[in-house]
Amino acid sequence: MRQRSRRTPAAPPRPRPASAPGGLGALDDLGAIVAFVRVVDARSYSAAARLVGATTSALSKRVARLEGALGVRLLERTTRRLAPTEAGSAFYERCLRVLDALGEAERAATQLGGGARGTLRLSAPVIFGELHVAPLVPPLLERHPGLGVELSLSDRYVDLVDEGFDLALRIGRLADSSLAARRLGRVPAVVCASPAYLERRGVPRAPDELAGHECLRYSLAGAGREWRLRGPDGKERAYAAGGRCSLNHGGAMREVAIAGGGLAHLPLFLVADALASGRLCAVLDAYRGPDFGLYAVYPAGRAPTPKVRAAVEFFAEALPPRLGGPARVSR
């Protein structure tokens, strides 16, 4: 009987080591490494694809080629999102260092070559953006001729990574620890109401009286039925605040207050004109609400790009002088 020859199965291709002659192996494709880092940051192929301007399938293929070159699985899909494997986490941390070093090299070259370049995607609150950010765009562009700006105004906190923003200006308390932040200054705040409301309901003399007033609440802040106020002793306390009206827009809250709808705790820049004209009066002057912080925030995990750094430095210089001013107090 004729014996069949046994064929030995072909061994799987071995990944080329990073030190292989003639190339860097898995590191030949820097774009694949950037794609992998963006996917880990976003925990989603689709969100990362929006950031890098590629299709989801193209991004998936680049990461798959990277895994094939390394010979290890870098990502695994859970029920809700992607997550790095143990090898992927180790590779990610080292990739961040490489990208940071490349970023420093880019910044050095950019500074020698004329400064920040590219389009800066910037988010800011609506009225603050209209009054104080939009007027600063021309001088920002004049200072950095290689820079472009795409300004988006929204009172919600945009997701910088998922929505592809480079930088956001935010007012209030910061809660998102995944963002790097720089405090640019303070935004004075005031508790105020219309003369008609104060005549009808009386002028509150102490924060304990807020429970019996119509206090307008800012729904996006998640403050509930409490206002935090700082007393003459400098200590900040939470006080119960009554009221039946909740709004998600500072300008709308100002207009409700002017129309006699209740007490409002708002940034001074929003109500300065109404205070000056007498349409609103500041109250509880000895218990002013703590000033709101003004912050520039950008994705954490790596040093800011030259365009982000340039914009932050510019706004840190240009915004604080535009804020503040006297308030008219009802006695």
Foldseek 3Di string as FASTA:
>chain_A
DDDDDDDDDDDPDDADDCPDPPHRFLCRCVVLLVLLLLCQVVLALCLSCLQVVHHSVVNVVSVVVSCVNVVHAQWDADPPGIHGDPVNVVSNLVSLVVVQVVLVVVQVVQVVVQFDADEAEEEEADVCCVPFVVVCVVVLCVNRVRYHYDYDHHLADDDCRSNNHFKYKDKADDDDPQKDKDFLFWFFKFKKAFPVLCVVPNADADLQCQQVWAEEAAVNVVPPQWAWWAALVRDIDIYGHHHDHYHNHPLVVLVCRLVNNTIYIGGCVSCVVVQVVRSMATGPPRTGGDIIIIMMIGGDSHDRHRVSVSVSVSCSPRPPVVHDDDGHHDD
